[in-house]
Amino acid sequence: MTVRNVQPQAIPGTTEGIFPAACPSRTVLDHVTSKWGVLVLLALSRESHRWGELRRGIEGISEKMLAQTLRTLERDGFVLREAQAVIPPRVDYSLTARGRELSAHLLPLMSWIDSNAAEILASEAPPTTQTA
């Protein structure tokens, strides 16, 4: 029997198995996987939206967090902000090609989370006690 020494495949974002603190991928990961970042990207994955549509479509997000998240995702090249010179002013948000590529990876993750969330959260609930 021959035993081969198989090297495990490197995990992206690591250096010799270590996740370096100064790695740029950490910053992007933080932007993309923030609580609101994922939801904004998923909301824009089907079609462009105006500010108010995003605000109504992502329950619980504050105006401040929506603005901050959109600015960050725009700066990272995931979201396109198009201001139209009309009265009243109109601003549309959509995904760039990079944003569409990213959302294609996020959609299966969200599908898995949606399918498993109830069971996962049920396992976190404290056991109920029965009194006689």
C-alpha atoms as a PDB file:
ATOM      1  CA  MET A   1       0.000   0.000   0.000  1.00  0.00           C
ATOM      2  CA  THR A   2       1.345   3.387  -1.004  1.00  0.00           C
ATOM      3  CA  VAL A   3       0.616   6.358   1.206  1.00  0.00           C
ATOM      4  CA  ARG A   4       0.724   9.692  -0.543  1.00  0.00           C
ATOM      5  CA  ASN A   5       1.317  12.890   1.317  1.00  0.00           C
ATOM      6  CA  VAL A   6      -1.559  15.035   0.014  1.00  0.00           C
ATOM      7  CA  GLN A   7      -1.383  18.710   0.789  1.00  0.00           C
ATOM      8  CA  PRO A   8      -4.723  20.222   1.717  1.00  0.00           C
ATOM      9  CA  GLN A   9      -5.983  22.877  -0.648  1.00  0.00           C
ATOM     10  CA  ALA A  10      -5.200  26.389   0.540  1.00  0.00           C
ATOM     11  CA  ILE A  11      -8.096  28.409   1.895  1.00  0.00           C
ATOM     12  CA  PRO A  12      -8.442  31.701   0.002  1.00  0.00           C
ATOM     13  CA  GLY A  13      -7.362  34.675   2.085  1.00  0.00           C
ATOM     14  CA  THR A  14      -4.788  32.720   4.082  1.00  0.00           C
ATOM     15  CA  THR A  15      -1.026  32.799   4.103  1.00  0.00           C
ATOM     16  CA  GLU A  16       0.440  29.465   5.157  1.00  0.00           C
ATOM     17  CA  GLY A  17      -2.844  28.601   6.875  1.00  0.00           C
ATOM     18  CA  ILE A  18      -3.073  31.919   8.739  1.00  0.00           C
ATOM     19  CA  PHE A  19      -5.708  34.614   8.194  1.00  0.00           C
ATOM     20  CA  PRO A  20      -3.461  37.711   8.304  1.00  0.00           C
ATOM     21  CA  ALA A  21      -4.884  40.702  10.169  1.00  0.00           C
ATOM     22  CA  ALA A  22      -3.783  43.133   7.453  1.00  0.00           C
ATOM     23  CA  CYS A  23      -5.191  41.116   4.541  1.00  0.00           C
ATOM     24  CA  PRO A  24      -7.305  43.270   2.181  1.00  0.00           C
ATOM     25  CA  SER A  25      -9.782  40.413   1.846  1.00  0.00           C
ATOM     26  CA  ARG A  26     -10.793  40.989   5.484  1.00  0.00           C
ATOM     27  CA  THR A  27     -11.873  44.532   4.743  1.00  0.00           C
ATOM     28  CA  VAL A  28     -13.898  43.495   1.699  1.00  0.00           C
ATOM     29  CA  LEU A  29     -15.376  40.555   3.611  1.00  0.00           C
ATOM     30  CA  ASP A  30     -16.446  42.933   6.365  1.00  0.00           C
ATOM     31  CA  HIS A  31     -18.157  45.228   3.835  1.00  0.00           C
ATOM     32  CA  VAL A  32     -19.881  42.435   1.943  1.00  0.00           C
ATOM     33  CA  THR A  33     -20.974  40.268   4.859  1.00  0.00           C
ATOM     34  CA  SER A  34     -22.063  42.999   7.206  1.00  0.00           C
ATOM     35  CA  LYS A  35     -25.608  42.611   8.473  1.00  0.00           C
ATOM     36  CA  TRP A  36     -26.911  45.178   6.003  1.00  0.00           C
ATOM     37  CA  GLY A  37     -24.409  44.664   3.162  1.00  0.00           C
ATOM     38  CA  VAL A  38     -25.716  41.214   2.290  1.00  0.00           C
ATOM     39  CA  LEU A  39     -29.331  42.368   2.400  1.00  0.00           C
ATOM     40  CA  VAL A  40     -28.675  45.411   0.196  1.00  0.00           C
ATOM     41  CA  LEU A  41     -26.792  43.284  -2.340  1.00  0.00           C
ATOM     42  CA  LEU A  42     -29.566  40.692  -2.392  1.00  0.00           C
ATOM     43  CA  ALA A  43     -32.265  43.373  -2.722  1.00  0.00           C
ATOM     44  CA  LEU A  44     -30.446  44.769  -5.759  1.00  0.00           C
ATOM     45  CA  SER A  45     -29.763  41.341  -7.269  1.00  0.00           C
ATOM     46  CA  ARG A  46     -33.059  41.263  -9.183  1.00  0.00           C
ATOM     47  CA  GLU A  47     -33.466  44.903 -10.248  1.00  0.00           C
ATOM     48  CA  SER A  48     -32.420  48.459  -9.536  1.00  0.00           C
ATOM     49  CA  HIS A  49     -34.134  50.349  -6.724  1.00  0.00           C
ATOM     50  CA  ARG A  50     -34.585  53.875  -5.525  1.00  0.00           C
ATOM     51  CA  TRP A  51     -33.617  54.838  -1.976  1.00  0.00           C
ATOM     52  CA  GLY A  52     -37.151  54.589  -0.570  1.00  0.00           C
ATOM     53  CA  GLU A  53     -37.721  51.195  -2.187  1.00  0.00           C
ATOM     54  CA  LEU A  54     -34.595  49.846  -0.529  1.00  0.00           C
ATOM     55  CA  ARG A  55     -35.579  51.387   2.814  1.00  0.00           C
ATOM     56  CA  ARG A  56     -39.034  49.765   2.665  1.00  0.00           C
ATOM     57  CA  GLY A  57     -37.708  46.477   1.312  1.00  0.00           C
ATOM     58  CA  ILE A  58     -35.111  45.976   4.045  1.00  0.00           C
ATOM     59  CA  GLU A  59     -37.092  46.204   7.251  1.00  0.00           C
ATOM     60  CA  GLY A  60     -35.207  47.493  10.258  1.00  0.00           C
ATOM     61  CA  ILE A  61     -32.436  49.337   8.424  1.00  0.00           C
ATOM     62  CA  SER A  62     -32.024  52.934   9.543  1.00  0.00           C
ATOM     63  CA  GLU A  63     -31.499  55.765   7.089  1.00  0.00           C
ATOM     64  CA  LYS A  64     -27.973  56.201   8.429  1.00  0.00           C
ATOM     65  CA  MET A  65     -27.064  52.533   7.946  1.00  0.00           C
ATOM     66  CA  LEU A  66     -28.604  52.377   4.480  1.00  0.00           C
ATOM     67  CA  ALA A  67     -26.643  55.460   3.407  1.00  0.00           C
ATOM     68  CA  GLN A  68     -23.425  54.130   4.934  1.00  0.00           C
ATOM     69  CA  THR A  69     -23.877  50.670   3.410  1.00  0.00           C
ATOM     70  CA  LEU A  70     -24.668  52.031  -0.050  1.00  0.00           C
ATOM     71  CA  ARG A  71     -21.644  54.360   0.063  1.00  0.00           C
ATOM     72  CA  THR A  72     -19.348  51.506   1.097  1.00  0.00           C
ATOM     73  CA  LEU A  73     -20.675  49.108  -1.549  1.00  0.00           C
ATOM     74  CA  GLU A  74     -20.457  51.856  -4.182  1.00  0.00           C
ATOM     75  CA  ARG A  75     -16.856  52.664  -3.195  1.00  0.00           C
ATOM     76  CA  ASP A  76     -15.986  48.948  -3.404  1.00  0.00           C
ATOM     77  CA  GLY A  77     -17.410  48.768  -6.927  1.00  0.00           C
ATOM     78  CA  PHE A  78     -20.428  46.561  -6.155  1.00  0.00           C
ATOM     79  CA  VAL A  79     -23.182  49.177  -6.431  1.00  0.00           C
ATOM     80  CA  LEU A  80     -23.785  51.834  -9.067  1.00  0.00           C
ATOM     81  CA  ARG A  81     -25.474  55.076  -7.989  1.00  0.00           C
ATOM     82  CA  GLU A  82     -27.148  56.938 -10.827  1.00  0.00           C
ATOM     83  CA  ALA A  83     -28.442  60.429 -10.050  1.00  0.00           C
ATOM     84  CA  GLN A  84     -30.813  61.820 -12.647  1.00  0.00           C
ATOM     85  CA  ALA A  85     -31.127  65.569 -13.146  1.00  0.00           C
ATOM     86  CA  VAL A  86     -34.899  65.750 -12.793  1.00  0.00           C
ATOM     87  CA  ILE A  87     -37.250  67.461 -10.386  1.00  0.00           C
ATOM     88  CA  PRO A  88     -37.829  65.962  -7.931  1.00  0.00           C
ATOM     89  CA  PRO A  89     -34.333  64.451  -7.825  1.00  0.00           C
ATOM     90  CA  ARG A  90     -34.151  60.753  -8.615  1.00  0.00           C
ATOM     91  CA  VAL A  91     -31.358  58.390  -7.611  1.00  0.00           C
ATOM     92  CA  ASP A  92     -31.330  54.751  -8.669  1.00  0.00           C
ATOM     93  CA  TYR A  93     -29.102  52.048  -7.237  1.00  0.00           C
ATOM     94  CA  SER A  94     -28.134  48.906  -9.123  1.00  0.00           C
ATOM     95  CA  LEU A  95     -25.434  46.279  -9.088  1.00  0.00           C
ATOM     96  CA  THR A  96     -22.316  46.608 -11.203  1.00  0.00           C
ATOM     97  CA  ALA A  97     -20.934  43.568 -13.027  1.00  0.00           C
ATOM     98  CA  ARG A  98     -18.809  42.885  -9.942  1.00  0.00           C
ATOM     99  CA  GLY A  99     -21.884  43.220  -7.733  1.00  0.00           C
ATOM    100  CA  ARG A 100     -23.858  40.795  -9.919  1.00  0.00           C
ATOM    101  CA  GLU A 101     -20.994  38.305  -9.755  1.00  0.00           C
ATOM    102  CA  LEU A 102     -20.903  38.625  -5.967  1.00  0.00           C
ATOM    103  CA  SER A 103     -24.676  38.306  -5.577  1.00  0.00           C
ATOM    104  CA  ALA A 104     -24.553  35.093  -7.623  1.00  0.00           C
ATOM    105  CA  HIS A 105     -22.420  33.670  -4.788  1.00  0.00           C
ATOM    106  CA  LEU A 106     -24.589  35.151  -2.031  1.00  0.00           C
ATOM    107  CA  LEU A 107     -27.914  33.824  -3.344  1.00  0.00           C
ATOM    108  CA  PRO A 108     -27.086  30.125  -2.708  1.00  0.00           C
ATOM    109  CA  LEU A 109     -25.789  31.039   0.766  1.00  0.00           C
ATOM    110  CA  MET A 110     -29.006  32.917   1.548  1.00  0.00           C
ATOM    111  CA  SER A 111     -31.051  30.018   0.195  1.00  0.00           C
ATOM    112  CA  TRP A 112     -29.218  27.632   2.540  1.00  0.00           C
ATOM    113  CA  ILE A 113     -29.691  29.992   5.485  1.00  0.00           C
ATOM    114  CA  ASP A 114     -33.395  30.380   4.702  1.00  0.00           C
ATOM    115  CA  SER A 115     -33.832  26.596   4.517  1.00  0.00           C
ATOM    116  CA  ASN A 116     -32.034  25.978   7.812  1.00  0.00           C
ATOM    117  CA  ALA A 117     -32.699  29.069   9.945  1.00  0.00           C
ATOM    118  CA  ALA A 118     -35.773  27.738  11.785  1.00  0.00           C
ATOM    119  CA  GLU A 119     -34.008  24.531  12.806  1.00  0.00           C
ATOM    120  CA  ILE A 120     -30.833  26.356  13.833  1.00  0.00           C
ATOM    121  CA  LEU A 121     -32.706  28.901  15.920  1.00  0.00           C
ATOM    122  CA  ALA A 122     -34.897  26.192  17.478  1.00  0.00           C
ATOM    123  CA  SER A 123     -31.767  24.451  18.738  1.00  0.00           C
ATOM    124  CA  GLU A 124     -30.726  27.688  20.473  1.00  0.00           C
ATOM    125  CA  ALA A 125     -34.001  28.043  22.345  1.00  0.00           C
ATOM    126  CA  PRO A 126     -33.851  27.074  26.022  1.00  0.00           C
ATOM    127  CA  PRO A 127     -35.648  23.825  26.807  1.00  0.00           C
ATOM    128  CA  THR A 128     -39.168  24.284  28.029  1.00  0.00           C
ATOM    129  CA  THR A 129     -39.942  23.054  31.509  1.00  0.00           C
ATOM    130  CA  GLN A 130     -43.158  21.330  32.267  1.00  0.00           C
ATOM    131  CA  THR A 131     -44.806  21.757  35.618  1.00  0.00           C
ATOM    132  CA  ALA A 132     -47.193  19.226  37.054  1.00  0.00           C
END
